[in-house]
Amino acid sequence: MIELSYFEKIEIRAGTVLEVKENKKSRNPAYVLKIDFGKDIGVKNSSAQITKLYKPEDLIGTQVICCVNLTPLHIGSVTSEVRILGTDSEQGVVLLRPSEKIKDGDKVF
């Protein structure tokens, strides 16, 4: 168990996928996504291993839930600035997404 104060430090926000391309230098199949989190946070990059269930054209315009305040990771030749949240499911990674259209940058708690 972790203290609630640790959880409160994690900043989870909604954003809209603007662009998706293959992360060609990743060890495992992955996409590089540009995600818009609104004017306060801006557009951030993320590399995600979600190629099994999602096609690039189906992701553009989709809202996703991301952790936006973790240390960036270098994956292949990409700096992944945010982590897209999903479940590690039998069928592959299933993205967490709002059921309604919300404002980019809205906080998840």
PDB file of N, CA and C in Angstrom:
ATOM      1  N   MET A   1       0.850  -1.187   0.000  1.00  0.00           N
ATOM      2  CA  MET A   1       0.000   0.000   0.000  1.00  0.00           C
ATOM      3  C   MET A   1       0.890   1.242   0.000  1.00  0.00           C
ATOM      4  N   ILE A   2       0.432   2.256  -0.704  1.00  0.00           N
ATOM      5  CA  ILE A   2       1.155   3.522  -0.689  1.00  0.00           C
ATOM      6  C   ILE A   2       0.294   4.566   0.024  1.00  0.00           C
ATOM      7  N   GLU A   3       0.952   5.559   0.525  1.00  0.00           N
ATOM      8  CA  GLU A   3       0.247   6.658   1.170  1.00  0.00           C
ATOM      9  C   GLU A   3      -0.509   7.462   0.120  1.00  0.00           C
ATOM     10  N   LEU A   4      -1.645   8.020   0.485  1.00  0.00           N
ATOM     11  CA  LEU A   4      -2.434   8.845  -0.418  1.00  0.00           C
ATOM     12  C   LEU A   4      -1.619  10.022  -0.948  1.00  0.00           C
ATOM     13  N   SER A   5      -0.707  10.526  -0.146  1.00  0.00           N
ATOM     14  CA  SER A   5       0.113  11.663  -0.569  1.00  0.00           C
ATOM     15  C   SER A   5       0.956  11.321  -1.799  1.00  0.00           C
ATOM     16  N   TYR A   6       1.368  10.056  -1.962  1.00  0.00           N
ATOM     17  CA  TYR A   6       2.123   9.650  -3.151  1.00  0.00           C
ATOM     18  C   TYR A   6       1.222   9.678  -4.383  1.00  0.00           C
ATOM     19  N   PHE A   7       0.025   9.152  -4.253  1.00  0.00           N
ATOM     20  CA  PHE A   7      -0.925   9.133  -5.365  1.00  0.00           C
ATOM     21  C   PHE A   7      -1.277  10.552  -5.803  1.00  0.00           C
ATOM     22  N   GLU A   8      -1.415  11.445  -4.859  1.00  0.00           N
ATOM     23  CA  GLU A   8      -1.781  12.826  -5.168  1.00  0.00           C
ATOM     24  C   GLU A   8      -0.701  13.557  -5.964  1.00  0.00           C
ATOM     25  N   LYS A   9       0.518  13.042  -5.978  1.00  0.00           N
ATOM     26  CA  LYS A   9       1.609  13.646  -6.755  1.00  0.00           C
ATOM     27  C   LYS A   9       1.533  13.281  -8.238  1.00  0.00           C
ATOM     28  N   ILE A  10       0.802  12.242  -8.571  1.00  0.00           N
ATOM     29  CA  ILE A  10       0.683  11.795  -9.953  1.00  0.00           C
ATOM     30  C   ILE A  10      -0.347  12.666 -10.666  1.00  0.00           C
ATOM     31  N   GLU A  11       0.056  13.244 -11.797  1.00  0.00           N
ATOM     32  CA  GLU A  11      -0.840  14.113 -12.553  1.00  0.00           C
ATOM     33  C   GLU A  11      -1.332  13.360 -13.786  1.00  0.00           C
ATOM     34  N   ILE A  12      -2.605  13.016 -13.761  1.00  0.00           N
ATOM     35  CA  ILE A  12      -3.219  12.258 -14.845  1.00  0.00           C
ATOM     36  C   ILE A  12      -4.190  13.187 -15.567  1.00  0.00           C
ATOM     37  N   ARG A  13      -4.018  13.292 -16.888  1.00  0.00           N
ATOM     38  CA  ARG A  13      -4.802  14.234 -17.689  1.00  0.00           C
ATOM     39  C   ARG A  13      -5.339  13.563 -18.957  1.00  0.00           C
ATOM     40  N   ALA A  14      -6.372  14.156 -19.516  1.00  0.00           N
ATOM     41  CA  ALA A  14      -6.934  13.717 -20.792  1.00  0.00           C
ATOM     42  C   ALA A  14      -6.322  14.545 -21.915  1.00  0.00           C
ATOM     43  N   GLY A  15      -6.108  13.920 -23.050  1.00  0.00           N
ATOM     44  CA  GLY A  15      -5.590  14.615 -24.214  1.00  0.00           C
ATOM     45  C   GLY A  15      -6.101  13.982 -25.496  1.00  0.00           C
ATOM     46  N   THR A  16      -6.006  14.724 -26.587  1.00  0.00           N
ATOM     47  CA  THR A  16      -6.464  14.241 -27.887  1.00  0.00           C
ATOM     48  C   THR A  16      -5.272  13.906 -28.773  1.00  0.00           C
ATOM     49  N   VAL A  17      -5.318  12.726 -29.378  1.00  0.00           N
ATOM     50  CA  VAL A  17      -4.253  12.270 -30.273  1.00  0.00           C
ATOM     51  C   VAL A  17      -4.341  13.063 -31.580  1.00  0.00           C
ATOM     52  N   LEU A  18      -3.233  13.728 -31.919  1.00  0.00           N
ATOM     53  CA  LEU A  18      -3.160  14.536 -33.140  1.00  0.00           C
ATOM     54  C   LEU A  18      -2.485  13.806 -34.292  1.00  0.00           C
ATOM     55  N   GLU A  19      -1.481  12.997 -33.951  1.00  0.00           N
ATOM     56  CA  GLU A  19      -0.655  12.358 -34.982  1.00  0.00           C
ATOM     57  C   GLU A  19      -0.152  11.030 -34.445  1.00  0.00           C
ATOM     58  N   VAL A  20      -0.054  10.037 -35.345  1.00  0.00           N
ATOM     59  CA  VAL A  20       0.460   8.713 -34.974  1.00  0.00           C
ATOM     60  C   VAL A  20       1.374   8.231 -36.086  1.00  0.00           C
ATOM     61  N   LYS A  21       2.557   7.759 -35.695  1.00  0.00           N
ATOM     62  CA  LYS A  21       3.456   7.138 -36.667  1.00  0.00           C
ATOM     63  C   LYS A  21       4.187   5.990 -35.977  1.00  0.00           C
ATOM     64  N   GLU A  22       4.779   5.140 -36.762  1.00  0.00           N
ATOM     65  CA  GLU A  22       5.515   3.990 -36.238  1.00  0.00           C
ATOM     66  C   GLU A  22       6.802   4.456 -35.552  1.00  0.00           C
ATOM     67  N   ASN A  23       7.098   3.872 -34.401  1.00  0.00           N
ATOM     68  CA  ASN A  23       8.378   4.114 -33.733  1.00  0.00           C
ATOM     69  C   ASN A  23       9.338   3.065 -34.288  1.00  0.00           C
ATOM     70  N   LYS A  24      10.038   3.414 -35.337  1.00  0.00           N
ATOM     71  CA  LYS A  24      10.868   2.465 -36.085  1.00  0.00           C
ATOM     72  C   LYS A  24      12.070   1.945 -35.313  1.00  0.00           C
ATOM     73  N   LYS A  25      12.512   2.673 -34.291  1.00  0.00           N
ATOM     74  CA  LYS A  25      13.708   2.246 -33.560  1.00  0.00           C
ATOM     75  C   LYS A  25      13.389   1.599 -32.214  1.00  0.00           C
ATOM     76  N   SER A  26      12.122   1.388 -31.927  1.00  0.00           N
ATOM     77  CA  SER A  26      11.720   0.714 -30.691  1.00  0.00           C
ATOM     78  C   SER A  26      12.015  -0.786 -30.825  1.00  0.00           C
ATOM     79  N   ARG A  27      12.435  -1.416 -29.734  1.00  0.00           N
ATOM     80  CA  ARG A  27      12.708  -2.858 -29.753  1.00  0.00           C
ATOM     81  C   ARG A  27      11.448  -3.666 -30.024  1.00  0.00           C
ATOM     82  N   ASN A  28      10.332  -3.202 -29.486  1.00  0.00           N
ATOM     83  CA  ASN A  28       9.033  -3.866 -29.687  1.00  0.00           C
ATOM     84  C   ASN A  28       8.162  -2.949 -30.538  1.00  0.00           C
ATOM     85  N   PRO A  29       7.222  -3.519 -31.298  1.00  0.00           N
ATOM     86  CA  PRO A  29       6.357  -2.682 -32.128  1.00  0.00           C
ATOM     87  C   PRO A  29       5.669  -1.599 -31.285  1.00  0.00           C
ATOM     88  N   ALA A  30       5.772  -0.356 -31.736  1.00  0.00           N
ATOM     89  CA  ALA A  30       5.208   0.769 -30.981  1.00  0.00           C
ATOM     90  C   ALA A  30       4.880   1.916 -31.924  1.00  0.00           C
ATOM     91  N   TYR A  31       4.019   2.796 -31.455  1.00  0.00           N
ATOM     92  CA  TYR A  31       3.697   4.030 -32.156  1.00  0.00           C
ATOM     93  C   TYR A  31       4.263   5.215 -31.382  1.00  0.00           C
ATOM     94  N   VAL A  32       4.548   6.278 -32.125  1.00  0.00           N
ATOM     95  CA  VAL A  32       4.839   7.579 -31.527  1.00  0.00           C
ATOM     96  C   VAL A  32       3.573   8.401 -31.723  1.00  0.00           C
ATOM     97  N   LEU A  33       3.042   8.927 -30.636  1.00  0.00           N
ATOM     98  CA  LEU A  33       1.822   9.720 -30.695  1.00  0.00           C
ATOM     99  C   LEU A  33       2.108  11.146 -30.248  1.00  0.00           C
ATOM    100  N   LYS A  34       1.529  12.110 -30.946  1.00  0.00           N
ATOM    101  CA  LYS A  34       1.520  13.507 -30.501  1.00  0.00           C
ATOM    102  C   LYS A  34       0.147  13.730 -29.892  1.00  0.00           C
ATOM    103  N   ILE A  35       0.141  14.170 -28.634  1.00  0.00           N
ATOM    104  CA  ILE A  35      -1.112  14.304 -27.891  1.00  0.00           C
ATOM    105  C   ILE A  35      -1.258  15.740 -27.393  1.00  0.00           C
ATOM    106  N   ASP A  36      -2.422  16.332 -27.641  1.00  0.00           N
ATOM    107  CA  ASP A  36      -2.708  17.705 -27.228  1.00  0.00           C
ATOM    108  C   ASP A  36      -3.400  17.703 -25.862  1.00  0.00           C
ATOM    109  N   PHE A  37      -2.764  18.358 -24.889  1.00  0.00           N
ATOM    110  CA  PHE A  37      -3.314  18.465 -23.535  1.00  0.00           C
ATOM    111  C   PHE A  37      -3.825  19.874 -23.233  1.00  0.00           C
ATOM    112  N   GLY A  38      -4.068  20.665 -24.251  1.00  0.00           N
ATOM    113  CA  GLY A  38      -4.592  22.013 -24.048  1.00  0.00           C
ATOM    114  C   GLY A  38      -3.494  23.027 -23.828  1.00  0.00           C
ATOM    115  N   LYS A  39      -3.911  24.289 -23.645  1.00  0.00           N
ATOM    116  CA  LYS A  39      -2.939  25.391 -23.625  1.00  0.00           C
ATOM    117  C   LYS A  39      -1.987  25.362 -22.432  1.00  0.00           C
ATOM    118  N   ASP A  40      -2.402  24.854 -21.285  1.00  0.00           N
ATOM    119  CA  ASP A  40      -1.522  24.866 -20.103  1.00  0.00           C
ATOM    120  C   ASP A  40      -0.377  23.855 -20.200  1.00  0.00           C
ATOM    121  N   ILE A  41      -0.632  22.715 -20.795  1.00  0.00           N
ATOM    122  CA  ILE A  41       0.388  21.656 -20.892  1.00  0.00           C
ATOM    123  C   ILE A  41       0.975  21.579 -22.293  1.00  0.00           C
ATOM    124  N   GLY A  42       0.145  21.776 -23.302  1.00  0.00           N
ATOM    125  CA  GLY A  42       0.609  21.761 -24.686  1.00  0.00           C
ATOM    126  C   GLY A  42       0.580  20.372 -25.317  1.00  0.00           C
ATOM    127  N   VAL A  43       1.307  20.233 -26.404  1.00  0.00           N
ATOM    128  CA  VAL A  43       1.389  18.978 -27.152  1.00  0.00           C
ATOM    129  C   VAL A  43       2.620  18.213 -26.679  1.00  0.00           C
ATOM    130  N   LYS A  44       2.422  16.943 -26.358  1.00  0.00           N
ATOM    131  CA  LYS A  44       3.504  16.077 -25.862  1.00  0.00           C
ATOM    132  C   LYS A  44       3.594  14.817 -26.710  1.00  0.00           C
ATOM    133  N   ASN A  45       4.792  14.222 -26.740  1.00  0.00           N
ATOM    134  CA  ASN A  45       5.031  12.955 -27.433  1.00  0.00           C
ATOM    135  C   ASN A  45       4.949  11.787 -26.466  1.00  0.00           C
ATOM    136  N   SER A  46       4.506  10.650 -26.995  1.00  0.00           N
ATOM    137  CA  SER A  46       4.523   9.415 -26.216  1.00  0.00           C
ATOM    138  C   SER A  46       4.784   8.258 -27.159  1.00  0.00           C
ATOM    139  N   SER A  47       5.551   7.294 -26.710  1.00  0.00           N
ATOM    140  CA  SER A  47       5.732   6.054 -27.450  1.00  0.00           C
ATOM    141  C   SER A  47       4.944   4.984 -26.700  1.00  0.00           C
ATOM    142  N   ALA A  48       4.111   4.257 -27.446  1.00  0.00           N
ATOM    143  CA  ALA A  48       3.247   3.269 -26.796  1.00  0.00           C
ATOM    144  C   ALA A  48       3.193   1.982 -27.607  1.00  0.00           C
ATOM    145  N   GLN A  49       3.269   0.862 -26.897  1.00  0.00           N
ATOM    146  CA  GLN A  49       3.196  -0.453 -27.531  1.00  0.00           C
ATOM    147  C   GLN A  49       1.722  -0.869 -27.626  1.00  0.00           C
ATOM    148  N   ILE A  50       1.027  -0.247 -28.570  1.00  0.00           N
ATOM    149  CA  ILE A  50      -0.412  -0.482 -28.719  1.00  0.00           C
ATOM    150  C   ILE A  50      -0.766  -0.908 -30.147  1.00  0.00           C
ATOM    151  N   THR A  51       0.219  -1.434 -30.875  1.00  0.00           N
ATOM    152  CA  THR A  51       0.023  -1.766 -32.289  1.00  0.00           C
ATOM    153  C   THR A  51      -0.858  -2.989 -32.508  1.00  0.00           C
ATOM    154  N   LYS A  52      -1.000  -3.825 -31.501  1.00  0.00           N
ATOM    155  CA  LYS A  52      -1.768  -5.061 -31.662  1.00  0.00           C
ATOM    156  C   LYS A  52      -3.256  -4.786 -31.872  1.00  0.00           C
ATOM    157  N   LEU A  53      -3.798  -3.807 -31.151  1.00  0.00           N
ATOM    158  CA  LEU A  53      -5.239  -3.544 -31.211  1.00  0.00           C
ATOM    159  C   LEU A  53      -5.628  -2.271 -31.960  1.00  0.00           C
ATOM    160  N   TYR A  54      -4.657  -1.380 -32.209  1.00  0.00           N
ATOM    161  CA  TYR A  54      -5.005  -0.070 -32.753  1.00  0.00           C
ATOM    162  C   TYR A  54      -4.236   0.234 -34.032  1.00  0.00           C
ATOM    163  N   LYS A  55      -4.930   0.832 -34.987  1.00  0.00           N
ATOM    164  CA  LYS A  55      -4.310   1.317 -36.215  1.00  0.00           C
ATOM    165  C   LYS A  55      -4.150   2.823 -36.084  1.00  0.00           C
ATOM    166  N   PRO A  56      -3.097   3.395 -36.663  1.00  0.00           N
ATOM    167  CA  PRO A  56      -2.868   4.839 -36.538  1.00  0.00           C
ATOM    168  C   PRO A  56      -4.087   5.685 -36.906  1.00  0.00           C
ATOM    169  N   GLU A  57      -4.734   5.351 -38.012  1.00  0.00           N
ATOM    170  CA  GLU A  57      -5.867   6.157 -38.468  1.00  0.00           C
ATOM    171  C   GLU A  57      -7.056   6.111 -37.502  1.00  0.00           C
ATOM    172  N   ASP A  58      -7.154   5.044 -36.722  1.00  0.00           N
ATOM    173  CA  ASP A  58      -8.248   4.933 -35.749  1.00  0.00           C
ATOM    174  C   ASP A  58      -7.963   5.718 -34.466  1.00  0.00           C
ATOM    175  N   LEU A  59      -6.709   6.033 -34.216  1.00  0.00           N
ATOM    176  CA  LEU A  59      -6.333   6.742 -32.992  1.00  0.00           C
ATOM    177  C   LEU A  59      -6.421   8.258 -33.122  1.00  0.00           C
ATOM    178  N   ILE A  60      -6.242   8.782 -34.328  1.00  0.00           N
ATOM    179  CA  ILE A  60      -6.248  10.235 -34.526  1.00  0.00           C
ATOM    180  C   ILE A  60      -7.631  10.794 -34.168  1.00  0.00           C
ATOM    181  N   GLY A  61      -7.626  11.804 -33.302  1.00  0.00           N
ATOM    182  CA  GLY A  61      -8.864  12.411 -32.835  1.00  0.00           C
ATOM    183  C   GLY A  61      -9.433  11.769 -31.585  1.00  0.00           C
ATOM    184  N   THR A  62      -8.834  10.659 -31.171  1.00  0.00           N
ATOM    185  CA  THR A  62      -9.289   9.946 -29.978  1.00  0.00           C
ATOM    186  C   THR A  62      -8.709  10.593 -28.729  1.00  0.00           C
ATOM    187  N   GLN A  63      -9.500  10.655 -27.681  1.00  0.00           N
ATOM    188  CA  GLN A  63      -8.973  11.133 -26.405  1.00  0.00           C
ATOM    189  C   GLN A  63      -8.434   9.955 -25.613  1.00  0.00           C
ATOM    190  N   VAL A  64      -7.300  10.187 -24.956  1.00  0.00           N
ATOM    191  CA  VAL A  64      -6.652   9.169 -24.135  1.00  0.00           C
ATOM    192  C   VAL A  64      -6.348   9.762 -22.765  1.00  0.00           C
ATOM    193  N   ILE A  65      -6.077   8.879 -21.826  1.00  0.00           N
ATOM    194  CA  ILE A  65      -5.731   9.272 -20.467  1.00  0.00           C
ATOM    195  C   ILE A  65      -4.245   9.005 -20.274  1.00  0.00           C
ATOM    196  N   CYS A  66      -3.517  10.012 -19.765  1.00  0.00           N
ATOM    197  CA  CYS A  66      -2.062   9.905 -19.643  1.00  0.00           C
ATOM    198  C   CYS A  66      -1.566  10.462 -18.319  1.00  0.00           C
ATOM    199  N   CYS A  67      -0.442   9.922 -17.873  1.00  0.00           N
ATOM    200  CA  CYS A  67       0.293  10.512 -16.761  1.00  0.00           C
ATOM    201  C   CYS A  67       1.264  11.506 -17.390  1.00  0.00           C
ATOM    202  N   VAL A  68       1.171  12.772 -16.962  1.00  0.00           N
ATOM    203  CA  VAL A  68       1.937  13.822 -17.634  1.00  0.00           C
ATOM    204  C   VAL A  68       3.121  14.348 -16.826  1.00  0.00           C
ATOM    205  N   ASN A  69       3.346  13.839 -15.617  1.00  0.00           N
ATOM    206  CA  ASN A  69       4.436  14.408 -14.814  1.00  0.00           C
ATOM    207  C   ASN A  69       5.477  13.388 -14.356  1.00  0.00           C
ATOM    208  N   LEU A  70       5.677  12.348 -15.140  1.00  0.00           N
ATOM    209  CA  LEU A  70       6.754  11.398 -14.860  1.00  0.00           C
ATOM    210  C   LEU A  70       7.996  11.814 -15.643  1.00  0.00           C
ATOM    211  N   THR A  71       9.143  11.332 -15.240  1.00  0.00           N
ATOM    212  CA  THR A  71      10.388  11.604 -15.946  1.00  0.00           C
ATOM    213  C   THR A  71      10.298  11.044 -17.367  1.00  0.00           C
ATOM    214  N   PRO A  72      10.652  11.832 -18.379  1.00  0.00           N
ATOM    215  CA  PRO A  72      10.615  11.330 -19.763  1.00  0.00           C
ATOM    216  C   PRO A  72      11.518  10.099 -19.941  1.00  0.00           C
ATOM    217  N   LEU A  73      11.094   9.217 -20.845  1.00  0.00           N
ATOM    218  CA  LEU A  73      11.861   8.012 -21.186  1.00  0.00           C
ATOM    219  C   LEU A  73      12.326   8.112 -22.629  1.00  0.00           C
ATOM    220  N   HIS A  74      13.494   7.585 -22.917  1.00  0.00           N
ATOM    221  CA  HIS A  74      13.983   7.516 -24.291  1.00  0.00           C
ATOM    222  C   HIS A  74      13.701   6.112 -24.804  1.00  0.00           C
ATOM    223  N   ILE A  75      12.848   6.020 -25.814  1.00  0.00           N
ATOM    224  CA  ILE A  75      12.455   4.737 -26.393  1.00  0.00           C
ATOM    225  C   ILE A  75      12.809   4.789 -27.867  1.00  0.00           C
ATOM    226  N   GLY A  76      13.804   4.016 -28.245  1.00  0.00           N
ATOM    227  CA  GLY A  76      14.312   4.111 -29.607  1.00  0.00           C
ATOM    228  C   GLY A  76      14.911   5.492 -29.783  1.00  0.00           C
ATOM    229  N   SER A  77      14.449   6.219 -30.784  1.00  0.00           N
ATOM    230  CA  SER A  77      14.954   7.579 -31.020  1.00  0.00           C
ATOM    231  C   SER A  77      13.961   8.635 -30.532  1.00  0.00           C
ATOM    232  N   VAL A  78      12.981   8.220 -29.733  1.00  0.00           N
ATOM    233  CA  VAL A  78      11.907   9.112 -29.299  1.00  0.00           C
ATOM    234  C   VAL A  78      11.995   9.386 -27.801  1.00  0.00           C
ATOM    235  N   THR A  79      11.754  10.628 -27.420  1.00  0.00           N
ATOM    236  CA  THR A  79      11.605  10.957 -26.010  1.00  0.00           C
ATOM    237  C   THR A  79      10.118  10.904 -25.699  1.00  0.00           C
ATOM    238  N   SER A  80       9.744   9.934 -24.876  1.00  0.00           N
ATOM    239  CA  SER A  80       8.359   9.759 -24.484  1.00  0.00           C
ATOM    240  C   SER A  80       8.117  10.637 -23.258  1.00  0.00           C
ATOM    241  N   GLU A  81       7.388  11.738 -23.464  1.00  0.00           N
ATOM    242  CA  GLU A  81       7.204  12.745 -22.423  1.00  0.00           C
ATOM    243  C   GLU A  81       6.051  12.423 -21.476  1.00  0.00           C
ATOM    244  N   VAL A  82       5.085  11.636 -21.948  1.00  0.00           N
ATOM    245  CA  VAL A  82       3.939  11.247 -21.123  1.00  0.00           C
ATOM    246  C   VAL A  82       3.714   9.747 -21.277  1.00  0.00           C
ATOM    247  N   ARG A  83       3.036   9.139 -20.314  1.00  0.00           N
ATOM    248  CA  ARG A  83       2.701   7.708 -20.381  1.00  0.00           C
ATOM    249  C   ARG A  83       1.207   7.576 -20.619  1.00  0.00           C
ATOM    250  N   ILE A  84       0.852   6.894 -21.689  1.00  0.00           N
ATOM    251  CA  ILE A  84      -0.550   6.624 -21.983  1.00  0.00           C
ATOM    252  C   ILE A  84      -0.980   5.464 -21.094  1.00  0.00           C
ATOM    253  N   LEU A  85      -2.142   5.595 -20.478  1.00  0.00           N
ATOM    254  CA  LEU A  85      -2.619   4.563 -19.565  1.00  0.00           C
ATOM    255  C   LEU A  85      -3.520   3.565 -20.288  1.00  0.00           C
ATOM    256  N   GLY A  86      -3.333   2.309 -19.950  1.00  0.00           N
ATOM    257  CA  GLY A  86      -4.137   1.234 -20.519  1.00  0.00           C
ATOM    258  C   GLY A  86      -4.048   0.017 -19.639  1.00  0.00           C
ATOM    259  N   THR A  87      -4.836  -0.976 -19.968  1.00  0.00           N
ATOM    260  CA  THR A  87      -4.808  -2.228 -19.216  1.00  0.00           C
ATOM    261  C   THR A  87      -3.933  -3.243 -19.936  1.00  0.00           C
ATOM    262  N   ASP A  88      -3.288  -4.083 -19.192  1.00  0.00           N
ATOM    263  CA  ASP A  88      -2.490  -5.177 -19.738  1.00  0.00           C
ATOM    264  C   ASP A  88      -3.428  -6.378 -19.823  1.00  0.00           C
ATOM    265  N   SER A  89      -4.181  -6.443 -20.915  1.00  0.00           N
ATOM    266  CA  SER A  89      -5.249  -7.422 -21.050  1.00  0.00           C
ATOM    267  C   SER A  89      -4.842  -8.591 -21.923  1.00  0.00           C
ATOM    268  N   GLU A  90      -5.645  -9.640 -21.866  1.00  0.00           N
ATOM    269  CA  GLU A  90      -5.430 -10.845 -22.654  1.00  0.00           C
ATOM    270  C   GLU A  90      -5.233 -10.533 -24.136  1.00  0.00           C
ATOM    271  N   GLN A  91      -6.039  -9.619 -24.662  1.00  0.00           N
ATOM    272  CA  GLN A  91      -6.011  -9.292 -26.082  1.00  0.00           C
ATOM    273  C   GLN A  91      -4.944  -8.265 -26.446  1.00  0.00           C
ATOM    274  N   GLY A  92      -4.244  -7.746 -25.450  1.00  0.00           N
ATOM    275  CA  GLY A  92      -3.232  -6.715 -25.664  1.00  0.00           C
ATOM    276  C   GLY A  92      -3.535  -5.513 -24.799  1.00  0.00           C
ATOM    277  N   VAL A  93      -2.820  -4.418 -25.032  1.00  0.00           N
ATOM    278  CA  VAL A  93      -3.036  -3.198 -24.256  1.00  0.00           C
ATOM    279  C   VAL A  93      -4.328  -2.532 -24.734  1.00  0.00           C
ATOM    280  N   VAL A  94      -5.241  -2.329 -23.792  1.00  0.00           N
ATOM    281  CA  VAL A  94      -6.498  -1.635 -24.079  1.00  0.00           C
ATOM    282  C   VAL A  94      -6.404  -0.256 -23.435  1.00  0.00           C
ATOM    283  N   LEU A  95      -6.529   0.789 -24.259  1.00  0.00           N
ATOM    284  CA  LEU A  95      -6.385   2.157 -23.778  1.00  0.00           C
ATOM    285  C   LEU A  95      -7.534   2.573 -22.867  1.00  0.00           C
ATOM    286  N   LEU A  96      -7.190   3.378 -21.848  1.00  0.00           N
ATOM    287  CA  LEU A  96      -8.218   4.009 -21.023  1.00  0.00           C
ATOM    288  C   LEU A  96      -8.628   5.288 -21.731  1.00  0.00           C
ATOM    289  N   ARG A  97      -9.929   5.450 -21.956  1.00  0.00           N
ATOM    290  CA  ARG A  97     -10.426   6.616 -22.687  1.00  0.00           C
ATOM    291  C   ARG A  97     -11.709   7.123 -22.038  1.00  0.00           C
ATOM    292  N   PRO A  98     -11.920   8.443 -22.074  1.00  0.00           N
ATOM    293  CA  PRO A  98     -13.173   8.976 -21.532  1.00  0.00           C
ATOM    294  C   PRO A  98     -14.365   8.471 -22.349  1.00  0.00           C
ATOM    295  N   SER A  99     -15.487   8.255 -21.687  1.00  0.00           N
ATOM    296  CA  SER A  99     -16.693   7.812 -22.391  1.00  0.00           C
ATOM    297  C   SER A  99     -17.426   8.997 -23.032  1.00  0.00           C
ATOM    298  N   GLU A 100     -17.073  10.207 -22.627  1.00  0.00           N
ATOM    299  CA  GLU A 100     -17.644  11.435 -23.176  1.00  0.00           C
ATOM    300  C   GLU A 100     -16.502  12.334 -23.629  1.00  0.00           C
ATOM    301  N   LYS A 101     -16.764  13.201 -24.597  1.00  0.00           N
ATOM    302  CA  LYS A 101     -15.771  14.189 -25.030  1.00  0.00           C
ATOM    303  C   LYS A 101     -15.579  15.187 -23.892  1.00  0.00           C
ATOM    304  N   ILE A 102     -14.318  15.410 -23.510  1.00  0.00           N
ATOM    305  CA  ILE A 102     -13.994  16.347 -22.445  1.00  0.00           C
ATOM    306  C   ILE A 102     -12.926  17.316 -22.942  1.00  0.00           C
ATOM    307  N   LYS A 103     -12.646  18.324 -22.140  1.00  0.00           N
ATOM    308  CA  LYS A 103     -11.648  19.333 -22.502  1.00  0.00           C
ATOM    309  C   LYS A 103     -10.245  18.731 -22.388  1.00  0.00           C
ATOM    310  N   ASP A 104      -9.413  18.963 -23.396  1.00  0.00           N
ATOM    311  CA  ASP A 104      -8.021  18.519 -23.317  1.00  0.00           C
ATOM    312  C   ASP A 104      -7.353  19.155 -22.118  1.00  0.00           C
ATOM    313  N   GLY A 105      -6.666  18.341 -21.347  1.00  0.00           N
ATOM    314  CA  GLY A 105      -6.006  18.824 -20.147  1.00  0.00           C
ATOM    315  C   GLY A 105      -6.810  18.589 -18.879  1.00  0.00           C
ATOM    316  N   ASP A 106      -8.078  18.161 -19.023  1.00  0.00           N
ATOM    317  CA  ASP A 106      -8.871  17.882 -17.820  1.00  0.00           C
ATOM    318  C   ASP A 106      -8.142  16.876 -16.946  1.00  0.00           C
ATOM    319  N   LYS A 107      -8.182  17.121 -15.642  1.00  0.00           N
ATOM    320  CA  LYS A 107      -7.486  16.279 -14.667  1.00  0.00           C
ATOM    321  C   LYS A 107      -8.341  15.061 -14.304  1.00  0.00           C
ATOM    322  N   VAL A 108      -7.685  13.929 -14.205  1.00  0.00           N
ATOM    323  CA  VAL A 108      -8.317  12.681 -13.774  1.00  0.00           C
ATOM    324  C   VAL A 108      -7.933  12.454 -12.329  1.00  0.00           C
ATOM    325  N   PHE A 109      -8.927  12.122 -11.504  1.00  0.00           N
ATOM    326  CA  PHE A 109      -8.642  11.834 -10.085  1.00  0.00           C
ATOM    327  C   PHE A 109      -9.578  10.803  -9.564  1.00  0.00           C
TER     328      PHE A 109
END
